[in-house]
Amino acid sequence: MHPIPPRRSPADIGGNVAENARRRALLKYGLTVHNIQRLEVVTMAGEVLEIGGAALDAPGYDLLALMTGSEGLLGVITLR
């Protein structure tokens, strides 16, 4: 994936998370999914889900990584 061209306006935070966007600072900070602890997501059914938590390796499925990079297919990422 190529970085956002400088002639375009910068993307929103939700868009970067939904695309798991890689930026020029990839080598310094890592992937977007590695810098997120918690997400608020609105599903297509209208449910509001809070995914993630304070623990980095919580038991169960990694829904945070699933939503990060889903390109909005599974839900819309919102800010609180």
PDB file of N, CA and C in Angstrom:
ATOM      1  N   MET A   1       0.841  -1.172   0.000  1.00  0.00           N
ATOM      2  CA  MET A   1       0.000   0.000   0.000  1.00  0.00           C
ATOM      3  C   MET A   1       0.882   1.229   0.000  1.00  0.00           C
ATOM      4  N   HIS A   2       0.548   2.181  -0.805  1.00  0.00           N
ATOM      5  CA  HIS A   2       1.348   3.388  -0.931  1.00  0.00           C
ATOM      6  C   HIS A   2       0.888   4.439   0.069  1.00  0.00           C
ATOM      7  N   PRO A   3       1.796   5.306   0.524  1.00  0.00           N
ATOM      8  CA  PRO A   3       1.381   6.376   1.432  1.00  0.00           C
ATOM      9  C   PRO A   3       0.455   7.353   0.719  1.00  0.00           C
ATOM     10  N   ILE A   4      -0.281   8.121   1.507  1.00  0.00           N
ATOM     11  CA  ILE A   4      -1.203   9.104   0.955  1.00  0.00           C
ATOM     12  C   ILE A   4      -0.396  10.184   0.236  1.00  0.00           C
ATOM     13  N   PRO A   5      -0.727  10.468  -1.035  1.00  0.00           N
ATOM     14  CA  PRO A   5       0.014  11.516  -1.744  1.00  0.00           C
ATOM     15  C   PRO A   5      -0.149  12.874  -1.058  1.00  0.00           C
ATOM     16  N   PRO A   6       0.877  13.713  -1.067  1.00  0.00           N
ATOM     17  CA  PRO A   6       0.796  14.991  -0.352  1.00  0.00           C
ATOM     18  C   PRO A   6      -0.222  15.955  -0.942  1.00  0.00           C
ATOM     19  N   ARG A   7      -0.674  15.743  -2.167  1.00  0.00           N
ATOM     20  CA  ARG A   7      -1.633  16.671  -2.766  1.00  0.00           C
ATOM     21  C   ARG A   7      -3.046  16.471  -2.226  1.00  0.00           C
ATOM     22  N   ARG A   8      -3.309  15.346  -1.583  1.00  0.00           N
ATOM     23  CA  ARG A   8      -4.610  15.085  -0.991  1.00  0.00           C
ATOM     24  C   ARG A   8      -4.634  15.536   0.465  1.00  0.00           C
ATOM     25  N   SER A   9      -5.861  15.776   0.948  1.00  0.00           N
ATOM     26  CA  SER A   9      -5.982  16.113   2.356  1.00  0.00           C
ATOM     27  C   SER A   9      -5.759  14.847   3.187  1.00  0.00           C
ATOM     28  N   PRO A  10      -5.289  14.990   4.410  1.00  0.00           N
ATOM     29  CA  PRO A  10      -5.032  13.808   5.234  1.00  0.00           C
ATOM     30  C   PRO A  10      -6.327  13.061   5.560  1.00  0.00           C
ATOM     31  N   ALA A  11      -6.234  11.764   5.713  1.00  0.00           N
ATOM     32  CA  ALA A  11      -7.393  10.932   6.010  1.00  0.00           C
ATOM     33  C   ALA A  11      -7.791  11.069   7.476  1.00  0.00           C
ATOM     34  N   ASP A  12      -9.028  10.731   7.759  1.00  0.00           N
ATOM     35  CA  ASP A  12      -9.513  10.739   9.134  1.00  0.00           C
ATOM     36  C   ASP A  12      -8.914   9.569   9.898  1.00  0.00           C
ATOM     37  N   ILE A  13      -8.970   9.644  11.214  1.00  0.00           N
ATOM     38  CA  ILE A  13      -8.450   8.574  12.059  1.00  0.00           C
ATOM     39  C   ILE A  13      -9.207   7.272  11.797  1.00  0.00           C
ATOM     40  N   GLY A  14     -10.531   7.345  11.726  1.00  0.00           N
ATOM     41  CA  GLY A  14     -11.328   6.145  11.472  1.00  0.00           C
ATOM     42  C   GLY A  14     -10.983   5.499  10.149  1.00  0.00           C
ATOM     43  N   GLY A  15     -10.714   6.307   9.142  1.00  0.00           N
ATOM     44  CA  GLY A  15     -10.330   5.775   7.835  1.00  0.00           C
ATOM     45  C   GLY A  15      -8.983   5.085   7.876  1.00  0.00           C
ATOM     46  N   ASN A  16      -8.041   5.666   8.605  1.00  0.00           N
ATOM     47  CA  ASN A  16      -6.724   5.036   8.746  1.00  0.00           C
ATOM     48  C   ASN A  16      -6.823   3.705   9.474  1.00  0.00           C
ATOM     49  N   VAL A  17      -7.654   3.650  10.500  1.00  0.00           N
ATOM     50  CA  VAL A  17      -7.809   2.406  11.253  1.00  0.00           C
ATOM     51  C   VAL A  17      -8.534   1.369  10.410  1.00  0.00           C
ATOM     52  N   ALA A  18      -9.581   1.768   9.708  1.00  0.00           N
ATOM     53  CA  ALA A  18     -10.350   0.832   8.892  1.00  0.00           C
ATOM     54  C   ALA A  18      -9.501   0.229   7.778  1.00  0.00           C
ATOM     55  N   GLU A  19      -8.551   0.984   7.282  1.00  0.00           N
ATOM     56  CA  GLU A  19      -7.681   0.493   6.212  1.00  0.00           C
ATOM     57  C   GLU A  19      -6.391  -0.119   6.741  1.00  0.00           C
ATOM     58  N   ASN A  20      -6.151  -0.013   8.055  1.00  0.00           N
ATOM     59  CA  ASN A  20      -4.876  -0.417   8.649  1.00  0.00           C
ATOM     60  C   ASN A  20      -3.738   0.246   7.876  1.00  0.00           C
ATOM     61  N   ALA A  21      -3.915   1.536   7.657  1.00  0.00           N
ATOM     62  CA  ALA A  21      -3.027   2.304   6.788  1.00  0.00           C
ATOM     63  C   ALA A  21      -1.593   2.311   7.319  1.00  0.00           C
ATOM     64  N   ARG A  22      -0.681   2.175   6.397  1.00  0.00           N
ATOM     65  CA  ARG A  22       0.744   2.274   6.715  1.00  0.00           C
ATOM     66  C   ARG A  22       1.209   3.654   6.312  1.00  0.00           C
ATOM     67  N   ARG A  23       1.958   4.270   7.159  1.00  0.00           N
ATOM     68  CA  ARG A  23       2.438   5.605   6.869  1.00  0.00           C
ATOM     69  C   ARG A  23       3.949   5.580   6.755  1.00  0.00           C
ATOM     70  N   ARG A  24       4.485   6.732   6.511  1.00  0.00           N
ATOM     71  CA  ARG A  24       5.947   6.841   6.386  1.00  0.00           C
ATOM     72  C   ARG A  24       6.641   6.511   7.699  1.00  0.00           C
ATOM     73  N   ALA A  25       5.917   6.641   8.803  1.00  0.00           N
ATOM     74  CA  ALA A  25       6.499   6.378  10.116  1.00  0.00           C
ATOM     75  C   ALA A  25       6.372   4.902  10.503  1.00  0.00           C
ATOM     76  N   LEU A  26       6.134   4.033   9.532  1.00  0.00           N
ATOM     77  CA  LEU A  26       5.943   2.604   9.793  1.00  0.00           C
ATOM     78  C   LEU A  26       7.124   2.005  10.537  1.00  0.00           C
ATOM     79  N   LEU A  27       8.321   2.319  10.128  1.00  0.00           N
ATOM     80  CA  LEU A  27       9.500   1.734  10.763  1.00  0.00           C
ATOM     81  C   LEU A  27       9.682   2.223  12.195  1.00  0.00           C
ATOM     82  N   LYS A  28       9.207   3.432  12.466  1.00  0.00           N
ATOM     83  CA  LYS A  28       9.370   3.986  13.807  1.00  0.00           C
ATOM     84  C   LYS A  28       8.270   3.524  14.759  1.00  0.00           C
ATOM     85  N   TYR A  29       7.006   3.508  14.288  1.00  0.00           N
ATOM     86  CA  TYR A  29       5.877   3.226  15.170  1.00  0.00           C
ATOM     87  C   TYR A  29       5.189   1.893  14.900  1.00  0.00           C
ATOM     88  N   GLY A  30       5.441   1.249  13.786  1.00  0.00           N
ATOM     89  CA  GLY A  30       4.800  -0.016  13.472  1.00  0.00           C
ATOM     90  C   GLY A  30       3.458   0.182  12.765  1.00  0.00           C
ATOM     91  N   LEU A  31       2.733  -0.917  12.589  1.00  0.00           N
ATOM     92  CA  LEU A  31       1.445  -0.876  11.917  1.00  0.00           C
ATOM     93  C   LEU A  31       0.391  -0.190  12.787  1.00  0.00           C
ATOM     94  N   THR A  32      -0.661   0.261  12.148  1.00  0.00           N
ATOM     95  CA  THR A  32      -1.738   0.928  12.868  1.00  0.00           C
ATOM     96  C   THR A  32      -2.351   0.004  13.917  1.00  0.00           C
ATOM     97  N   VAL A  33      -2.548  -1.256  13.575  1.00  0.00           N
ATOM     98  CA  VAL A  33      -3.176  -2.201  14.498  1.00  0.00           C
ATOM     99  C   VAL A  33      -2.357  -2.384  15.776  1.00  0.00           C
ATOM    100  N   HIS A  34      -1.071  -2.170  15.720  1.00  0.00           N
ATOM    101  CA  HIS A  34      -0.216  -2.320  16.897  1.00  0.00           C
ATOM    102  C   HIS A  34      -0.247  -1.103  17.810  1.00  0.00           C
ATOM    103  N   ASN A  35      -0.895  -0.040  17.377  1.00  0.00           N
ATOM    104  CA  ASN A  35      -0.952   1.190  18.170  1.00  0.00           C
ATOM    105  C   ASN A  35      -2.351   1.485  18.689  1.00  0.00           C
ATOM    106  N   ILE A  36      -3.241   0.523  18.643  1.00  0.00           N
ATOM    107  CA  ILE A  36      -4.623   0.722  19.075  1.00  0.00           C
ATOM    108  C   ILE A  36      -4.924  -0.235  20.214  1.00  0.00           C
ATOM    109  N   GLN A  37      -5.557   0.280  21.269  1.00  0.00           N
ATOM    110  CA  GLN A  37      -5.949  -0.570  22.381  1.00  0.00           C
ATOM    111  C   GLN A  37      -7.447  -0.817  22.411  1.00  0.00           C
ATOM    112  N   ARG A  38      -8.251   0.141  21.991  1.00  0.00           N
ATOM    113  CA  ARG A  38      -9.701   0.027  22.101  1.00  0.00           C
ATOM    114  C   ARG A  38     -10.366   0.760  20.945  1.00  0.00           C
ATOM    115  N   LEU A  39     -11.444   0.178  20.427  1.00  0.00           N
ATOM    116  CA  LEU A  39     -12.229   0.790  19.360  1.00  0.00           C
ATOM    117  C   LEU A  39     -13.692   0.820  19.742  1.00  0.00           C
ATOM    118  N   GLU A  40     -14.387   1.810  19.236  1.00  0.00           N
ATOM    119  CA  GLU A  40     -15.845   1.827  19.310  1.00  0.00           C
ATOM    120  C   GLU A  40     -16.343   1.666  17.890  1.00  0.00           C
ATOM    121  N   VAL A  41     -17.194   0.676  17.668  1.00  0.00           N
ATOM    122  CA  VAL A  41     -17.641   0.312  16.330  1.00  0.00           C
ATOM    123  C   VAL A  41     -19.164   0.273  16.310  1.00  0.00           C
ATOM    124  N   VAL A  42     -19.760   0.822  15.242  1.00  0.00           N
ATOM    125  CA  VAL A  42     -21.194   0.702  15.015  1.00  0.00           C
ATOM    126  C   VAL A  42     -21.377  -0.304  13.885  1.00  0.00           C
ATOM    127  N   THR A  43     -22.079  -1.408  14.189  1.00  0.00           N
ATOM    128  CA  THR A  43     -22.286  -2.453  13.189  1.00  0.00           C
ATOM    129  C   THR A  43     -23.415  -2.058  12.248  1.00  0.00           C
ATOM    130  N   MET A  44     -23.609  -2.868  11.212  1.00  0.00           N
ATOM    131  CA  MET A  44     -24.671  -2.579  10.252  1.00  0.00           C
ATOM    132  C   MET A  44     -26.052  -2.785  10.869  1.00  0.00           C
ATOM    133  N   ALA A  45     -26.136  -3.529  11.953  1.00  0.00           N
ATOM    134  CA  ALA A  45     -27.401  -3.717  12.660  1.00  0.00           C
ATOM    135  C   ALA A  45     -27.694  -2.560  13.615  1.00  0.00           C
ATOM    136  N   GLY A  46     -26.752  -1.624  13.757  1.00  0.00           N
ATOM    137  CA  GLY A  46     -26.931  -0.470  14.627  1.00  0.00           C
ATOM    138  C   GLY A  46     -26.422  -0.666  16.038  1.00  0.00           C
ATOM    139  N   GLU A  47     -25.804  -1.796  16.316  1.00  0.00           N
ATOM    140  CA  GLU A  47     -25.248  -2.051  17.639  1.00  0.00           C
ATOM    141  C   GLU A  47     -23.930  -1.308  17.813  1.00  0.00           C
ATOM    142  N   VAL A  48     -23.724  -0.765  19.003  1.00  0.00           N
ATOM    143  CA  VAL A  48     -22.458  -0.103  19.321  1.00  0.00           C
ATOM    144  C   VAL A  48     -21.621  -1.073  20.135  1.00  0.00           C
ATOM    145  N   LEU A  49     -20.442  -1.412  19.616  1.00  0.00           N
ATOM    146  CA  LEU A  49     -19.542  -2.351  20.276  1.00  0.00           C
ATOM    147  C   LEU A  49     -18.282  -1.629  20.715  1.00  0.00           C
ATOM    148  N   GLU A  50     -17.794  -1.972  21.897  1.00  0.00           N
ATOM    149  CA  GLU A  50     -16.479  -1.505  22.340  1.00  0.00           C
ATOM    150  C   GLU A  50     -15.564  -2.714  22.303  1.00  0.00           C
ATOM    151  N   ILE A  51     -14.559  -2.646  21.459  1.00  0.00           N
ATOM    152  CA  ILE A  51     -13.661  -3.774  21.229  1.00  0.00           C
ATOM    153  C   ILE A  51     -12.288  -3.422  21.779  1.00  0.00           C
ATOM    154  N   GLY A  52     -11.653  -4.385  22.420  1.00  0.00           N
ATOM    155  CA  GLY A  52     -10.312  -4.177  22.961  1.00  0.00           C
ATOM    156  C   GLY A  52     -10.381  -3.863  24.439  1.00  0.00           C
ATOM    157  N   GLY A  53      -9.259  -3.501  25.002  1.00  0.00           N
ATOM    158  CA  GLY A  53      -9.191  -3.183  26.417  1.00  0.00           C
ATOM    159  C   GLY A  53      -7.771  -2.828  26.809  1.00  0.00           C
ATOM    160  N   ALA A  54      -7.550  -2.773  28.111  1.00  0.00           N
ATOM    161  CA  ALA A  54      -6.236  -2.377  28.615  1.00  0.00           C
ATOM    162  C   ALA A  54      -5.190  -3.476  28.423  1.00  0.00           C
ATOM    163  N   ALA A  55      -5.633  -4.737  28.408  1.00  0.00           N
ATOM    164  CA  ALA A  55      -4.689  -5.848  28.250  1.00  0.00           C
ATOM    165  C   ALA A  55      -4.296  -5.992  26.784  1.00  0.00           C
ATOM    166  N   LEU A  56      -3.017  -6.168  26.528  1.00  0.00           N
ATOM    167  CA  LEU A  56      -2.556  -6.304  25.153  1.00  0.00           C
ATOM    168  C   LEU A  56      -2.897  -7.668  24.566  1.00  0.00           C
ATOM    169  N   ASP A  57      -2.830  -8.717  25.360  1.00  0.00           N
ATOM    170  CA  ASP A  57      -3.115 -10.071  24.886  1.00  0.00           C
ATOM    171  C   ASP A  57      -4.305 -10.645  25.637  1.00  0.00           C
ATOM    172  N   ALA A  58      -5.483 -10.125  25.351  1.00  0.00           N
ATOM    173  CA  ALA A  58      -6.694 -10.612  25.997  1.00  0.00           C
ATOM    174  C   ALA A  58      -7.051 -11.987  25.438  1.00  0.00           C
ATOM    175  N   PRO A  59      -7.660 -12.842  26.249  1.00  0.00           N
ATOM    176  CA  PRO A  59      -8.051 -14.168  25.751  1.00  0.00           C
ATOM    177  C   PRO A  59      -9.199 -14.070  24.749  1.00  0.00           C
ATOM    178  N   GLY A  60      -9.295 -15.042  23.876  1.00  0.00           N
ATOM    179  CA  GLY A  60     -10.381 -15.075  22.902  1.00  0.00           C
ATOM    180  C   GLY A  60      -9.926 -14.581  21.540  1.00  0.00           C
ATOM    181  N   TYR A  61     -10.917 -14.361  20.679  1.00  0.00           N
ATOM    182  CA  TYR A  61     -10.623 -13.903  19.325  1.00  0.00           C
ATOM    183  C   TYR A  61     -10.099 -12.477  19.328  1.00  0.00           C
ATOM    184  N   ASP A  62      -9.227 -12.168  18.386  1.00  0.00           N
ATOM    185  CA  ASP A  62      -8.650 -10.833  18.282  1.00  0.00           C
ATOM    186  C   ASP A  62      -9.546  -9.970  17.392  1.00  0.00           C
ATOM    187  N   LEU A  63     -10.658  -9.501  17.961  1.00  0.00           N
ATOM    188  CA  LEU A  63     -11.605  -8.689  17.200  1.00  0.00           C
ATOM    189  C   LEU A  63     -11.031  -7.325  16.839  1.00  0.00           C
ATOM    190  N   LEU A  64     -10.108  -6.845  17.643  1.00  0.00           N
ATOM    191  CA  LEU A  64      -9.475  -5.564  17.353  1.00  0.00           C
ATOM    192  C   LEU A  64      -8.710  -5.631  16.037  1.00  0.00           C
ATOM    193  N   ALA A  65      -7.952  -6.696  15.831  1.00  0.00           N
ATOM    194  CA  ALA A  65      -7.216  -6.858  14.579  1.00  0.00           C
ATOM    195  C   ALA A  65      -8.167  -7.138  13.418  1.00  0.00           C
ATOM    196  N   LEU A  66      -9.282  -7.808  13.698  1.00  0.00           N
ATOM    197  CA  LEU A  66     -10.263  -8.078  12.659  1.00  0.00           C
ATOM    198  C   LEU A  66     -10.899  -6.796  12.152  1.00  0.00           C
ATOM    199  N   MET A  67     -11.269  -5.910  13.078  1.00  0.00           N
ATOM    200  CA  MET A  67     -11.902  -4.646  12.675  1.00  0.00           C
ATOM    201  C   MET A  67     -10.896  -3.708  12.021  1.00  0.00           C
ATOM    202  N   THR A  68      -9.648  -3.739  12.512  1.00  0.00           N
ATOM    203  CA  THR A  68      -8.611  -2.896  11.927  1.00  0.00           C
ATOM    204  C   THR A  68      -8.191  -3.518  10.605  1.00  0.00           C
ATOM    205  N   GLY A  69      -8.549  -2.892   9.545  1.00  0.00           N
ATOM    206  CA  GLY A  69      -8.236  -3.412   8.231  1.00  0.00           C
ATOM    207  C   GLY A  69      -9.433  -4.024   7.533  1.00  0.00           C
ATOM    208  N   SER A  70     -10.617  -3.941   8.138  1.00  0.00           N
ATOM    209  CA  SER A  70     -11.814  -4.516   7.508  1.00  0.00           C
ATOM    210  C   SER A  70     -12.402  -3.598   6.441  1.00  0.00           C
ATOM    211  N   GLU A  71     -11.850  -2.410   6.295  1.00  0.00           N
ATOM    212  CA  GLU A  71     -12.258  -1.437   5.282  1.00  0.00           C
ATOM    213  C   GLU A  71     -13.727  -1.041   5.416  1.00  0.00           C
ATOM    214  N   GLY A  72     -14.253  -1.073   6.627  1.00  0.00           N
ATOM    215  CA  GLY A  72     -15.624  -0.663   6.863  1.00  0.00           C
ATOM    216  C   GLY A  72     -16.658  -1.722   6.546  1.00  0.00           C
ATOM    217  N   LEU A  73     -16.224  -2.904   6.161  1.00  0.00           N
ATOM    218  CA  LEU A  73     -17.159  -3.969   5.802  1.00  0.00           C
ATOM    219  C   LEU A  73     -17.915  -4.501   7.011  1.00  0.00           C
ATOM    220  N   LEU A  74     -17.271  -4.573   8.159  1.00  0.00           N
ATOM    221  CA  LEU A  74     -17.890  -5.145   9.353  1.00  0.00           C
ATOM    222  C   LEU A  74     -18.540  -4.103  10.249  1.00  0.00           C
ATOM    223  N   GLY A  75     -18.210  -2.841  10.076  1.00  0.00           N
ATOM    224  CA  GLY A  75     -18.784  -1.777  10.886  1.00  0.00           C
ATOM    225  C   GLY A  75     -18.039  -0.481  10.667  1.00  0.00           C
ATOM    226  N   VAL A  76     -18.613   0.583  11.236  1.00  0.00           N
ATOM    227  CA  VAL A  76     -18.020   1.914  11.120  1.00  0.00           C
ATOM    228  C   VAL A  76     -17.311   2.234  12.437  1.00  0.00           C
ATOM    229  N   ILE A  77     -16.058   2.628  12.334  1.00  0.00           N
ATOM    230  CA  ILE A  77     -15.263   2.956  13.516  1.00  0.00           C
ATOM    231  C   ILE A  77     -15.542   4.406  13.881  1.00  0.00           C
ATOM    232  N   THR A  78     -15.912   4.634  15.145  1.00  0.00           N
ATOM    233  CA  THR A  78     -16.270   5.973  15.601  1.00  0.00           C
ATOM    234  C   THR A  78     -15.335   6.405  16.708  1.00  0.00           C
ATOM    235  N   LEU A  79     -15.344   7.688  16.990  1.00  0.00           N
ATOM    236  CA  LEU A  79     -14.590   8.250  18.107  1.00  0.00           C
ATOM    237  C   LEU A  79     -15.579   8.668  19.171  1.00  0.00           C
ATOM    238  N   ARG A  80     -15.172   8.537  20.377  1.00  0.00           N
ATOM    239  CA  ARG A  80     -16.043   8.888  21.486  1.00  0.00           C
ATOM    240  C   ARG A  80     -15.590  10.160  22.121  1.00  0.00           C
TER     241      ARG A  80
END
